[in-house]
Amino acid sequence: MSEARKRLAASRFLFVDIELSENPPHDETPVARQLGLEAAGLTWLGTEGEAARAEFLGDSAGFVIPVVEADQVTHVHAFVTERHLITVHRGPIALMRSVTTRLPNERPPDTVATLFLLLQEALETFRRSAVQALLEVEELEDEMFQRRSPQQIYQLTLLRRRSALLHHTLLPYLQVTDEAFTRRMMNPHFPEERQRLARAFQHSSRLVLKDIESLQDASRRAFVSYSTLVSGEQNGVINRLAIVSVIFLPLSFLTGFFGMNFTYMTDELESKVVFWLLAVGLQVTVLCVALYVLHRTRVWRRLRDDDPEDR
């Protein structure tokens, strides 16, 4: 930290990346004080729990940039001037390795161009996470039509939570950055090249936000598809139960009818022939009528087509 402070005072173009401990001590010295930047109003720099930020402070600017790291959202704090770019984060972040790897190829002309490279790479982490989750939703949806299981609902719930996390994290950040860049671009002294970088960032951010919204729509559609398939199976079971009930309904009627203690029942219907004619004849008649109605209304064919064993 002391070496970074010395180079900040002497260098004309410097990129400083500071990695802080993931479990900071209670008496941790603020990063701005260690770098000699407390006069610039950077008390938020390196402070854990800071919300998304994008503000211009004269010839400098400060950002709190959300980044997707291993399906979790973390934040990178960035402070840029015409001479140097400082980034601060808790623990190792793959984003910073990606940025430093691209620097030799991109060769940004100044610190502001380096900042926009960092902003674009942060957006890319959201896009990759959204696209990967979208592919997982589509695979789960394909599996549902083959075989359904409660585990699929659990996985869909996790993916839906991820989509909500991405959207609720990225949207406030894009709102503050759009406001800051729009206000800055209204300044006639804002260089044309930086306006181009700002417009490119805004365009990319809208595309990433659409990818996340597509993920939300796909997860909701998958839930609806699962519910529809389960409802279809339940309807098939209910139809089969209705058919069984129709078949055994005459038996229930006979047991109730002949079980009544009326004089006619006990005195007149003493013959076994009469009993079997009524019992068997009524059962066969109702069964034949039920099968005829099912055949004429094509209900039986639909039940056969909906049989899971045939798929």
C-alpha atoms as a PDB file:
ATOM      1  CA  MET A   1       0.000   0.000   0.000  1.00  0.00           C
ATOM      2  CA  SER A   2       2.868   2.410   0.795  1.00  0.00           C
ATOM      3  CA  GLU A   3       4.500   1.664  -2.569  1.00  0.00           C
ATOM      4  CA  ALA A   4       1.210   2.296  -4.363  1.00  0.00           C
ATOM      5  CA  ARG A   5       0.937   5.646  -2.578  1.00  0.00           C
ATOM      6  CA  LYS A   6       4.409   6.673  -3.779  1.00  0.00           C
ATOM      7  CA  ARG A   7       3.731   5.653  -7.363  1.00  0.00           C
ATOM      8  CA  LEU A   8       0.389   7.457  -7.373  1.00  0.00           C
ATOM      9  CA  ALA A   9       2.213  10.675  -6.633  1.00  0.00           C
ATOM     10  CA  ALA A  10       4.879  10.162  -9.323  1.00  0.00           C
ATOM     11  CA  SER A  11       3.340   8.208 -12.222  1.00  0.00           C
ATOM     12  CA  ARG A  12       1.355   9.715 -15.091  1.00  0.00           C
ATOM     13  CA  PHE A  13      -0.455   6.535 -16.085  1.00  0.00           C
ATOM     14  CA  LEU A  14      -0.912   3.946 -13.370  1.00  0.00           C
ATOM     15  CA  PHE A  15      -3.350   1.093 -12.808  1.00  0.00           C
ATOM     16  CA  VAL A  16      -3.452  -0.056  -9.171  1.00  0.00           C
ATOM     17  CA  ASP A  17      -5.466  -3.110  -8.109  1.00  0.00           C
ATOM     18  CA  ILE A  18      -5.854  -3.581  -4.345  1.00  0.00           C
ATOM     19  CA  GLU A  19      -7.103  -6.863  -2.910  1.00  0.00           C
ATOM     20  CA  LEU A  20      -8.388  -6.588   0.656  1.00  0.00           C
ATOM     21  CA  SER A  21      -9.097  -9.353   3.134  1.00  0.00           C
ATOM     22  CA  GLU A  22     -12.516 -10.965   2.887  1.00  0.00           C
ATOM     23  CA  ASN A  23     -12.826 -10.743   6.694  1.00  0.00           C
ATOM     24  CA  PRO A  24     -11.688  -7.206   7.550  1.00  0.00           C
ATOM     25  CA  PRO A  25     -10.677  -6.396  11.147  1.00  0.00           C
ATOM     26  CA  HIS A  26     -12.724  -3.911  13.136  1.00  0.00           C
ATOM     27  CA  ASP A  27      -9.888  -1.393  13.279  1.00  0.00           C
ATOM     28  CA  GLU A  28      -9.024  -1.542   9.552  1.00  0.00           C
ATOM     29  CA  THR A  29      -7.588   1.745   8.242  1.00  0.00           C
ATOM     30  CA  PRO A  30      -9.675   3.155   5.359  1.00  0.00           C
ATOM     31  CA  VAL A  31      -8.126   2.625   1.930  1.00  0.00           C
ATOM     32  CA  ALA A  32      -8.467   6.301   1.018  1.00  0.00           C
ATOM     33  CA  ARG A  33      -6.394   7.291   4.055  1.00  0.00           C
ATOM     34  CA  GLN A  34      -3.697   4.733   3.309  1.00  0.00           C
ATOM     35  CA  LEU A  35      -3.416   6.051  -0.258  1.00  0.00           C
ATOM     36  CA  GLY A  36      -3.485   9.708   0.800  1.00  0.00           C
ATOM     37  CA  LEU A  37      -6.824  10.320  -0.960  1.00  0.00           C
ATOM     38  CA  GLU A  38      -8.999  11.174   2.023  1.00  0.00           C
ATOM     39  CA  ALA A  39      -9.209  14.789   0.841  1.00  0.00           C
ATOM     40  CA  ALA A  40     -10.995  13.641  -2.347  1.00  0.00           C
ATOM     41  CA  GLY A  41     -14.069  12.475  -0.419  1.00  0.00           C
ATOM     42  CA  LEU A  42     -13.461   8.773  -1.031  1.00  0.00           C
ATOM     43  CA  THR A  43     -14.575   7.457   2.348  1.00  0.00           C
ATOM     44  CA  TRP A  44     -16.609   4.812   0.496  1.00  0.00           C
ATOM     45  CA  LEU A  45     -13.574   3.384  -1.321  1.00  0.00           C
ATOM     46  CA  GLY A  46     -13.044  -0.181  -0.134  1.00  0.00           C
ATOM     47  CA  THR A  47     -15.912   0.005   2.375  1.00  0.00           C
ATOM     48  CA  GLU A  48     -17.884  -3.220   2.557  1.00  0.00           C
ATOM     49  CA  GLY A  49     -21.609  -3.093   1.791  1.00  0.00           C
ATOM     50  CA  GLU A  50     -21.552  -0.009  -0.459  1.00  0.00           C
ATOM     51  CA  ALA A  51     -24.417   0.261  -2.952  1.00  0.00           C
ATOM     52  CA  ALA A  52     -23.917   0.697  -6.705  1.00  0.00           C
ATOM     53  CA  ARG A  53     -22.335   4.059  -7.474  1.00  0.00           C
ATOM     54  CA  ALA A  54     -21.373   6.110 -10.533  1.00  0.00           C
ATOM     55  CA  GLU A  55     -20.469   9.732  -9.947  1.00  0.00           C
ATOM     56  CA  PHE A  56     -18.118  12.302 -11.435  1.00  0.00           C
ATOM     57  CA  LEU A  57     -16.076  14.427  -9.069  1.00  0.00           C
ATOM     58  CA  GLY A  58     -14.652  17.140 -11.302  1.00  0.00           C
ATOM     59  CA  ASP A  59     -11.766  15.565 -13.218  1.00  0.00           C
ATOM     60  CA  SER A  60     -12.207  12.244 -11.421  1.00  0.00           C
ATOM     61  CA  ALA A  61     -14.951   9.654 -11.099  1.00  0.00           C
ATOM     62  CA  GLY A  62     -15.917   6.953  -8.639  1.00  0.00           C
ATOM     63  CA  PHE A  63     -17.724   3.673  -9.294  1.00  0.00           C
ATOM     64  CA  VAL A  64     -18.996   0.738  -7.272  1.00  0.00           C
ATOM     65  CA  ILE A  65     -19.290  -1.977  -9.923  1.00  0.00           C
ATOM     66  CA  PRO A  66     -21.279  -5.210  -9.355  1.00  0.00           C
ATOM     67  CA  VAL A  67     -19.585  -8.353 -10.630  1.00  0.00           C
ATOM     68  CA  VAL A  68     -20.828 -11.953 -10.834  1.00  0.00           C
ATOM     69  CA  GLU A  69     -18.295 -14.256  -9.227  1.00  0.00           C
ATOM     70  CA  ALA A  70     -19.146 -17.983  -8.866  1.00  0.00           C
ATOM     71  CA  ASP A  71     -22.929 -17.366  -9.029  1.00  0.00           C
ATOM     72  CA  GLN A  72     -22.594 -14.700  -6.350  1.00  0.00           C
ATOM     73  CA  VAL A  73     -22.555 -10.930  -6.761  1.00  0.00           C
ATOM     74  CA  THR A  74     -19.596  -9.011  -5.377  1.00  0.00           C
ATOM     75  CA  HIS A  75     -18.486  -5.423  -5.919  1.00  0.00           C
ATOM     76  CA  VAL A  76     -15.372  -3.749  -7.246  1.00  0.00           C
ATOM     77  CA  HIS A  77     -14.691  -0.162  -6.199  1.00  0.00           C
ATOM     78  CA  ALA A  78     -12.997   1.992  -8.826  1.00  0.00           C
ATOM     79  CA  PHE A  79     -11.593   5.504  -8.697  1.00  0.00           C
ATOM     80  CA  VAL A  80     -10.259   7.062 -11.905  1.00  0.00           C
ATOM     81  CA  THR A  81      -8.469  10.296 -12.723  1.00  0.00           C
ATOM     82  CA  GLU A  82      -6.540  11.451 -15.774  1.00  0.00           C
ATOM     83  CA  ARG A  83      -3.412   9.936 -14.262  1.00  0.00           C
ATOM     84  CA  HIS A  84      -4.381   6.729 -12.516  1.00  0.00           C
ATOM     85  CA  LEU A  85      -7.066   4.062 -12.040  1.00  0.00           C
ATOM     86  CA  ILE A  86      -7.489   2.424  -8.630  1.00  0.00           C
ATOM     87  CA  THR A  87      -9.620  -0.682  -8.083  1.00  0.00           C
ATOM     88  CA  VAL A  88     -10.382  -2.176  -4.668  1.00  0.00           C
ATOM     89  CA  HIS A  89     -12.131  -5.477  -3.941  1.00  0.00           C
ATOM     90  CA  ARG A  90     -12.480  -8.088  -1.223  1.00  0.00           C
ATOM     91  CA  GLY A  91     -10.717 -11.349  -1.988  1.00  0.00           C
ATOM     92  CA  PRO A  92      -9.537 -12.581  -5.412  1.00  0.00           C
ATOM     93  CA  ILE A  93     -11.822 -11.833  -8.381  1.00  0.00           C
ATOM     94  CA  ALA A  94     -11.504 -13.441 -11.801  1.00  0.00           C
ATOM     95  CA  LEU A  95     -12.620 -10.185 -13.410  1.00  0.00           C
ATOM     96  CA  MET A  96      -9.366  -8.446 -12.510  1.00  0.00           C
ATOM     97  CA  ARG A  97      -7.311 -11.279 -13.996  1.00  0.00           C
ATOM     98  CA  SER A  98      -9.364 -11.011 -17.181  1.00  0.00           C
ATOM     99  CA  VAL A  99      -8.809  -7.242 -17.391  1.00  0.00           C
ATOM    100  CA  THR A 100      -5.057  -7.457 -16.823  1.00  0.00           C
ATOM    101  CA  THR A 101      -4.845 -10.234 -19.435  1.00  0.00           C
ATOM    102  CA  ARG A 102      -6.570  -8.040 -22.029  1.00  0.00           C
ATOM    103  CA  LEU A 103      -4.491  -4.943 -21.342  1.00  0.00           C
ATOM    104  CA  PRO A 104      -1.493  -5.976 -23.521  1.00  0.00           C
ATOM    105  CA  ASN A 105      -3.822  -6.694 -26.451  1.00  0.00           C
ATOM    106  CA  GLU A 106      -6.263  -3.812 -26.032  1.00  0.00           C
ATOM    107  CA  ARG A 107      -3.573  -1.199 -25.231  1.00  0.00           C
ATOM    108  CA  PRO A 108      -5.958   1.433 -23.837  1.00  0.00           C
ATOM    109  CA  PRO A 109      -4.554   4.940 -24.425  1.00  0.00           C
ATOM    110  CA  ASP A 110      -5.393   6.309 -20.980  1.00  0.00           C
ATOM    111  CA  THR A 111      -6.912   5.477 -17.615  1.00  0.00           C
ATOM    112  CA  VAL A 112     -10.463   6.332 -18.719  1.00  0.00           C
ATOM    113  CA  ALA A 113     -10.291   3.838 -21.586  1.00  0.00           C
ATOM    114  CA  THR A 114      -8.988   1.277 -19.072  1.00  0.00           C
ATOM    115  CA  LEU A 115     -11.975   2.049 -16.849  1.00  0.00           C
ATOM    116  CA  PHE A 116     -14.418   1.390 -19.705  1.00  0.00           C
ATOM    117  CA  LEU A 117     -12.616  -1.889 -20.391  1.00  0.00           C
ATOM    118  CA  LEU A 118     -13.236  -2.799 -16.741  1.00  0.00           C
ATOM    119  CA  LEU A 119     -16.901  -1.781 -16.995  1.00  0.00           C
ATOM    120  CA  GLN A 120     -17.403  -3.889 -20.133  1.00  0.00           C
ATOM    121  CA  GLU A 121     -15.771  -6.919 -18.514  1.00  0.00           C
ATOM    122  CA  ALA A 122     -18.055  -6.542 -15.482  1.00  0.00           C
ATOM    123  CA  LEU A 123     -21.096  -6.530 -17.797  1.00  0.00           C
ATOM    124  CA  GLU A 124     -19.742  -9.647 -19.478  1.00  0.00           C
ATOM    125  CA  THR A 125     -19.881 -11.539 -16.166  1.00  0.00           C
ATOM    126  CA  PHE A 126     -23.626 -10.827 -15.966  1.00  0.00           C
ATOM    127  CA  ARG A 127     -24.149 -11.873 -19.581  1.00  0.00           C
ATOM    128  CA  ARG A 128     -22.285 -15.175 -19.135  1.00  0.00           C
ATOM    129  CA  SER A 129     -24.215 -15.981 -15.960  1.00  0.00           C
ATOM    130  CA  ALA A 130     -27.569 -15.177 -17.623  1.00  0.00           C
ATOM    131  CA  VAL A 131     -26.814 -17.221 -20.760  1.00  0.00           C
ATOM    132  CA  GLN A 132     -25.605 -20.208 -18.738  1.00  0.00           C
ATOM    133  CA  ALA A 133     -28.731 -20.117 -16.557  1.00  0.00           C
ATOM    134  CA  LEU A 134     -30.938 -19.790 -19.650  1.00  0.00           C
ATOM    135  CA  LEU A 135     -29.394 -22.931 -21.149  1.00  0.00           C
ATOM    136  CA  GLU A 136     -29.975 -24.785 -17.874  1.00  0.00           C
ATOM    137  CA  VAL A 137     -33.640 -23.742 -17.872  1.00  0.00           C
ATOM    138  CA  GLU A 138     -34.089 -25.014 -21.435  1.00  0.00           C
ATOM    139  CA  GLU A 139     -32.450 -28.341 -20.563  1.00  0.00           C
ATOM    140  CA  LEU A 140     -34.734 -28.739 -17.559  1.00  0.00           C
ATOM    141  CA  GLU A 141     -37.739 -27.928 -19.727  1.00  0.00           C
ATOM    142  CA  ASP A 142     -36.723 -30.676 -22.181  1.00  0.00           C
ATOM    143  CA  GLU A 143     -36.335 -33.155 -19.315  1.00  0.00           C
ATOM    144  CA  MET A 144     -39.826 -32.339 -18.047  1.00  0.00           C
ATOM    145  CA  PHE A 145     -41.430 -33.679 -21.209  1.00  0.00           C
ATOM    146  CA  GLN A 146     -39.515 -36.920 -20.791  1.00  0.00           C
ATOM    147  CA  ARG A 147     -39.894 -37.470 -17.069  1.00  0.00           C
ATOM    148  CA  ARG A 148     -40.868 -35.149 -14.243  1.00  0.00           C
ATOM    149  CA  SER A 149     -39.382 -35.132 -10.739  1.00  0.00           C
ATOM    150  CA  PRO A 150     -39.493 -32.811  -7.689  1.00  0.00           C
ATOM    151  CA  GLN A 151     -35.775 -32.121  -8.160  1.00  0.00           C
ATOM    152  CA  GLN A 152     -36.584 -30.186 -11.332  1.00  0.00           C
ATOM    153  CA  ILE A 153     -38.783 -27.777  -9.376  1.00  0.00           C
ATOM    154  CA  TYR A 154     -35.943 -27.213  -6.897  1.00  0.00           C
ATOM    155  CA  GLN A 155     -33.479 -26.487  -9.702  1.00  0.00           C
ATOM    156  CA  LEU A 156     -35.949 -24.142 -11.386  1.00  0.00           C
ATOM    157  CA  THR A 157     -36.387 -22.301  -8.095  1.00  0.00           C
ATOM    158  CA  LEU A 158     -32.627 -21.792  -7.816  1.00  0.00           C
ATOM    159  CA  LEU A 159     -32.433 -20.521 -11.389  1.00  0.00           C
ATOM    160  CA  ARG A 160     -35.356 -18.182 -10.808  1.00  0.00           C
ATOM    161  CA  ARG A 161     -33.633 -16.788  -7.725  1.00  0.00           C
ATOM    162  CA  ARG A 162     -30.468 -16.287  -9.736  1.00  0.00           C
ATOM    163  CA  SER A 163     -32.355 -14.354 -12.401  1.00  0.00           C
ATOM    164  CA  ALA A 164     -33.930 -12.149  -9.718  1.00  0.00           C
ATOM    165  CA  LEU A 165     -30.523 -11.559  -8.119  1.00  0.00           C
ATOM    166  CA  LEU A 166     -28.957 -10.580 -11.438  1.00  0.00           C
ATOM    167  CA  HIS A 167     -31.822  -8.252 -12.340  1.00  0.00           C
ATOM    168  CA  HIS A 168     -32.119  -6.587  -8.932  1.00  0.00           C
ATOM    169  CA  THR A 169     -28.361  -6.027  -8.811  1.00  0.00           C
ATOM    170  CA  LEU A 170     -27.760  -4.843 -12.362  1.00  0.00           C
ATOM    171  CA  LEU A 171     -30.786  -2.578 -12.822  1.00  0.00           C
ATOM    172  CA  PRO A 172     -29.940  -0.011 -10.076  1.00  0.00           C
ATOM    173  CA  TYR A 173     -26.327   0.045 -11.257  1.00  0.00           C
ATOM    174  CA  LEU A 174     -27.356   0.734 -14.861  1.00  0.00           C
ATOM    175  CA  GLN A 175     -29.719   3.475 -13.722  1.00  0.00           C
ATOM    176  CA  VAL A 176     -26.992   5.379 -11.895  1.00  0.00           C
ATOM    177  CA  THR A 177     -24.439   4.868 -14.679  1.00  0.00           C
ATOM    178  CA  ASP A 178     -26.895   6.007 -17.375  1.00  0.00           C
ATOM    179  CA  GLU A 179     -27.685   9.115 -15.388  1.00  0.00           C
ATOM    180  CA  ALA A 180     -24.015   9.889 -14.776  1.00  0.00           C
ATOM    181  CA  PHE A 181     -22.899   9.278 -18.371  1.00  0.00           C
ATOM    182  CA  THR A 182     -25.826  11.190 -19.865  1.00  0.00           C
ATOM    183  CA  ARG A 183     -25.121  14.170 -17.667  1.00  0.00           C
ATOM    184  CA  ARG A 184     -21.422  13.977 -18.515  1.00  0.00           C
ATOM    185  CA  MET A 185     -22.029  13.713 -22.265  1.00  0.00           C
ATOM    186  CA  MET A 186     -24.082  16.888 -22.141  1.00  0.00           C
ATOM    187  CA  ASN A 187     -20.861  18.711 -21.301  1.00  0.00           C
ATOM    188  CA  PRO A 188     -19.461  20.116 -24.595  1.00  0.00           C
ATOM    189  CA  HIS A 189     -15.899  19.601 -23.304  1.00  0.00           C
ATOM    190  CA  PHE A 190     -16.366  15.851 -22.916  1.00  0.00           C
ATOM    191  CA  PRO A 191     -14.066  14.256 -25.558  1.00  0.00           C
ATOM    192  CA  GLU A 192     -15.699  12.542 -28.522  1.00  0.00           C
ATOM    193  CA  GLU A 193     -13.776   9.291 -27.986  1.00  0.00           C
ATOM    194  CA  ARG A 194     -15.037   9.026 -24.419  1.00  0.00           C
ATOM    195  CA  GLN A 195     -18.572   9.729 -25.587  1.00  0.00           C
ATOM    196  CA  ARG A 196     -18.213   6.802 -27.979  1.00  0.00           C
ATOM    197  CA  LEU A 197     -17.036   4.556 -25.142  1.00  0.00           C
ATOM    198  CA  ALA A 198     -19.925   5.683 -22.948  1.00  0.00           C
ATOM    199  CA  ARG A 199     -22.486   5.032 -25.682  1.00  0.00           C
ATOM    200  CA  ALA A 200     -20.981   1.598 -26.360  1.00  0.00           C
ATOM    201  CA  PHE A 201     -21.231   0.763 -22.664  1.00  0.00           C
ATOM    202  CA  GLN A 202     -24.869   1.895 -22.527  1.00  0.00           C
ATOM    203  CA  HIS A 203     -25.709  -0.204 -25.594  1.00  0.00           C
ATOM    204  CA  SER A 204     -24.010  -3.278 -24.114  1.00  0.00           C
ATOM    205  CA  SER A 205     -25.759  -2.777 -20.780  1.00  0.00           C
ATOM    206  CA  ARG A 206     -29.190  -2.772 -22.450  1.00  0.00           C
ATOM    207  CA  LEU A 207     -28.375  -6.015 -24.271  1.00  0.00           C
ATOM    208  CA  VAL A 208     -27.252  -7.679 -21.047  1.00  0.00           C
ATOM    209  CA  LEU A 209     -30.392  -6.496 -19.274  1.00  0.00           C
ATOM    210  CA  LYS A 210     -32.486  -8.051 -22.066  1.00  0.00           C
ATOM    211  CA  ASP A 211     -30.631 -11.348 -21.601  1.00  0.00           C
ATOM    212  CA  ILE A 212     -31.494 -11.307 -17.900  1.00  0.00           C
ATOM    213  CA  GLU A 213     -35.132 -10.474 -18.647  1.00  0.00           C
ATOM    214  CA  SER A 214     -35.195 -13.365 -21.132  1.00  0.00           C
ATOM    215  CA  LEU A 215     -33.919 -15.624 -18.354  1.00  0.00           C
ATOM    216  CA  GLN A 216     -36.728 -14.438 -16.077  1.00  0.00           C
ATOM    217  CA  ASP A 217     -39.340 -15.088 -18.773  1.00  0.00           C
ATOM    218  CA  ALA A 218     -37.891 -18.542 -19.499  1.00  0.00           C
ATOM    219  CA  SER A 219     -37.906 -19.540 -15.820  1.00  0.00           C
ATOM    220  CA  ARG A 220     -41.521 -18.415 -15.437  1.00  0.00           C
ATOM    221  CA  ARG A 221     -42.467 -20.305 -18.609  1.00  0.00           C
ATOM    222  CA  ALA A 222     -40.774 -23.449 -17.302  1.00  0.00           C
ATOM    223  CA  PHE A 223     -42.788 -23.269 -14.075  1.00  0.00           C
ATOM    224  CA  VAL A 224     -45.997 -22.899 -16.088  1.00  0.00           C
ATOM    225  CA  SER A 225     -45.021 -25.844 -18.303  1.00  0.00           C
ATOM    226  CA  TYR A 226     -44.338 -28.036 -15.281  1.00  0.00           C
ATOM    227  CA  SER A 227     -47.690 -27.092 -13.712  1.00  0.00           C
ATOM    228  CA  THR A 228     -49.500 -27.755 -16.997  1.00  0.00           C
ATOM    229  CA  LEU A 229     -47.953 -31.193 -17.391  1.00  0.00           C
ATOM    230  CA  VAL A 230     -48.771 -32.150 -13.808  1.00  0.00           C
ATOM    231  CA  SER A 231     -52.342 -30.896 -14.239  1.00  0.00           C
ATOM    232  CA  GLY A 232     -52.691 -32.997 -17.379  1.00  0.00           C
ATOM    233  CA  GLU A 233     -51.585 -36.104 -15.508  1.00  0.00           C
ATOM    234  CA  GLN A 234     -53.975 -35.351 -12.658  1.00  0.00           C
ATOM    235  CA  ASN A 235     -56.838 -34.933 -15.117  1.00  0.00           C
ATOM    236  CA  GLY A 236     -56.048 -38.321 -16.608  1.00  0.00           C
ATOM    237  CA  VAL A 237     -56.076 -39.942 -13.156  1.00  0.00           C
ATOM    238  CA  ILE A 238     -59.382 -38.264 -12.308  1.00  0.00           C
ATOM    239  CA  ASN A 239     -60.911 -39.523 -15.574  1.00  0.00           C
ATOM    240  CA  ARG A 240     -59.836 -43.086 -14.804  1.00  0.00           C
ATOM    241  CA  LEU A 241     -61.253 -42.849 -11.311  1.00  0.00           C
ATOM    242  CA  ALA A 242     -64.515 -41.577 -12.804  1.00  0.00           C
ATOM    243  CA  ILE A 243     -64.682 -44.594 -15.137  1.00  0.00           C
ATOM    244  CA  VAL A 244     -64.073 -47.005 -12.254  1.00  0.00           C
ATOM    245  CA  SER A 245     -66.741 -45.226 -10.213  1.00  0.00           C
ATOM    246  CA  VAL A 246     -69.258 -45.559 -13.052  1.00  0.00           C
ATOM    247  CA  ILE A 247     -68.526 -49.282 -13.361  1.00  0.00           C
ATOM    248  CA  PHE A 248     -68.987 -50.009  -9.662  1.00  0.00           C
ATOM    249  CA  LEU A 249     -71.840 -47.564  -9.120  1.00  0.00           C
ATOM    250  CA  PRO A 250     -74.556 -50.239  -9.781  1.00  0.00           C
ATOM    251  CA  LEU A 251     -73.001 -52.511  -7.148  1.00  0.00           C
ATOM    252  CA  SER A 252     -73.127 -49.713  -4.617  1.00  0.00           C
ATOM    253  CA  PHE A 253     -76.741 -49.075  -5.552  1.00  0.00           C
ATOM    254  CA  LEU A 254     -77.633 -52.754  -5.206  1.00  0.00           C
ATOM    255  CA  THR A 255     -76.031 -53.116  -1.797  1.00  0.00           C
ATOM    256  CA  GLY A 256     -77.850 -50.054  -0.581  1.00  0.00           C
ATOM    257  CA  PHE A 257     -81.164 -50.977  -2.203  1.00  0.00           C
ATOM    258  CA  PHE A 258     -81.328 -54.574  -1.043  1.00  0.00           C
ATOM    259  CA  GLY A 259     -80.044 -53.662   2.383  1.00  0.00           C
ATOM    260  CA  MET A 260     -83.202 -51.662   3.229  1.00  0.00           C
ATOM    261  CA  ASN A 261     -85.635 -53.355   5.615  1.00  0.00           C
ATOM    262  CA  PHE A 262     -88.913 -52.787   3.724  1.00  0.00           C
ATOM    263  CA  THR A 263     -91.679 -55.432   3.715  1.00  0.00           C
ATOM    264  CA  TYR A 264     -91.403 -55.848  -0.036  1.00  0.00           C
ATOM    265  CA  MET A 265     -87.696 -56.570   0.247  1.00  0.00           C
ATOM    266  CA  THR A 266     -88.076 -59.178   2.941  1.00  0.00           C
ATOM    267  CA  ASP A 267     -91.291 -60.854   1.799  1.00  0.00           C
ATOM    268  CA  GLU A 268     -91.395 -60.634  -2.008  1.00  0.00           C
ATOM    269  CA  LEU A 269     -87.784 -60.894  -3.168  1.00  0.00           C
ATOM    270  CA  GLU A 270     -87.000 -64.287  -1.665  1.00  0.00           C
ATOM    271  CA  SER A 271     -86.020 -65.975  -4.946  1.00  0.00           C
ATOM    272  CA  LYS A 272     -82.328 -66.248  -5.852  1.00  0.00           C
ATOM    273  CA  VAL A 273     -83.232 -66.017  -9.530  1.00  0.00           C
ATOM    274  CA  VAL A 274     -84.844 -62.620  -9.047  1.00  0.00           C
ATOM    275  CA  PHE A 275     -81.845 -61.421  -7.047  1.00  0.00           C
ATOM    276  CA  TRP A 276     -79.286 -62.489  -9.649  1.00  0.00           C
ATOM    277  CA  LEU A 277     -81.370 -61.108 -12.503  1.00  0.00           C
ATOM    278  CA  LEU A 278     -81.515 -57.743 -10.835  1.00  0.00           C
ATOM    279  CA  ALA A 279     -77.901 -57.777  -9.659  1.00  0.00           C
ATOM    280  CA  VAL A 280     -76.169 -59.083 -12.762  1.00  0.00           C
ATOM    281  CA  GLY A 281     -78.610 -57.627 -15.255  1.00  0.00           C
ATOM    282  CA  LEU A 282     -78.410 -54.119 -13.813  1.00  0.00           C
ATOM    283  CA  GLN A 283     -74.600 -54.319 -13.599  1.00  0.00           C
ATOM    284  CA  VAL A 284     -74.208 -55.468 -17.200  1.00  0.00           C
ATOM    285  CA  THR A 285     -76.691 -52.905 -18.482  1.00  0.00           C
ATOM    286  CA  VAL A 286     -74.954 -49.967 -16.782  1.00  0.00           C
ATOM    287  CA  LEU A 287     -71.522 -51.201 -17.910  1.00  0.00           C
ATOM    288  CA  CYS A 288     -72.625 -51.519 -21.544  1.00  0.00           C
ATOM    289  CA  VAL A 289     -74.215 -48.053 -21.477  1.00  0.00           C
ATOM    290  CA  ALA A 290     -71.079 -46.530 -19.924  1.00  0.00           C
ATOM    291  CA  LEU A 291     -68.761 -48.109 -22.498  1.00  0.00           C
ATOM    292  CA  TYR A 292     -71.031 -46.996 -25.333  1.00  0.00           C
ATOM    293  CA  VAL A 293     -71.068 -43.413 -24.076  1.00  0.00           C
ATOM    294  CA  LEU A 294     -67.281 -43.398 -23.667  1.00  0.00           C
ATOM    295  CA  HIS A 295     -66.831 -44.752 -27.172  1.00  0.00           C
ATOM    296  CA  ARG A 296     -69.249 -42.297 -28.762  1.00  0.00           C
ATOM    297  CA  THR A 297     -67.763 -39.275 -27.015  1.00  0.00           C
ATOM    298  CA  ARG A 298     -64.168 -40.419 -27.799  1.00  0.00           C
ATOM    299  CA  VAL A 299     -63.212 -40.102 -24.145  1.00  0.00           C
ATOM    300  CA  TRP A 300     -61.734 -43.593 -24.151  1.00  0.00           C
ATOM    301  CA  ARG A 301     -59.438 -42.701 -27.067  1.00  0.00           C
ATOM    302  CA  ARG A 302     -58.197 -39.588 -25.280  1.00  0.00           C
ATOM    303  CA  LEU A 303     -57.486 -41.576 -22.137  1.00  0.00           C
ATOM    304  CA  ARG A 304     -55.542 -44.121 -24.165  1.00  0.00           C
ATOM    305  CA  ASP A 305     -53.544 -41.390 -25.912  1.00  0.00           C
ATOM    306  CA  ASP A 306     -52.729 -39.730 -22.565  1.00  0.00           C
ATOM    307  CA  ASP A 307     -51.392 -42.953 -21.069  1.00  0.00           C
ATOM    308  CA  PRO A 308     -47.770 -42.247 -19.894  1.00  0.00           C
ATOM    309  CA  GLU A 309     -46.716 -45.822 -20.748  1.00  0.00           C
ATOM    310  CA  ASP A 310     -47.383 -45.132 -24.432  1.00  0.00           C
ATOM    311  CA  ARG A 311     -44.964 -42.196 -24.537  1.00  0.00           C
END
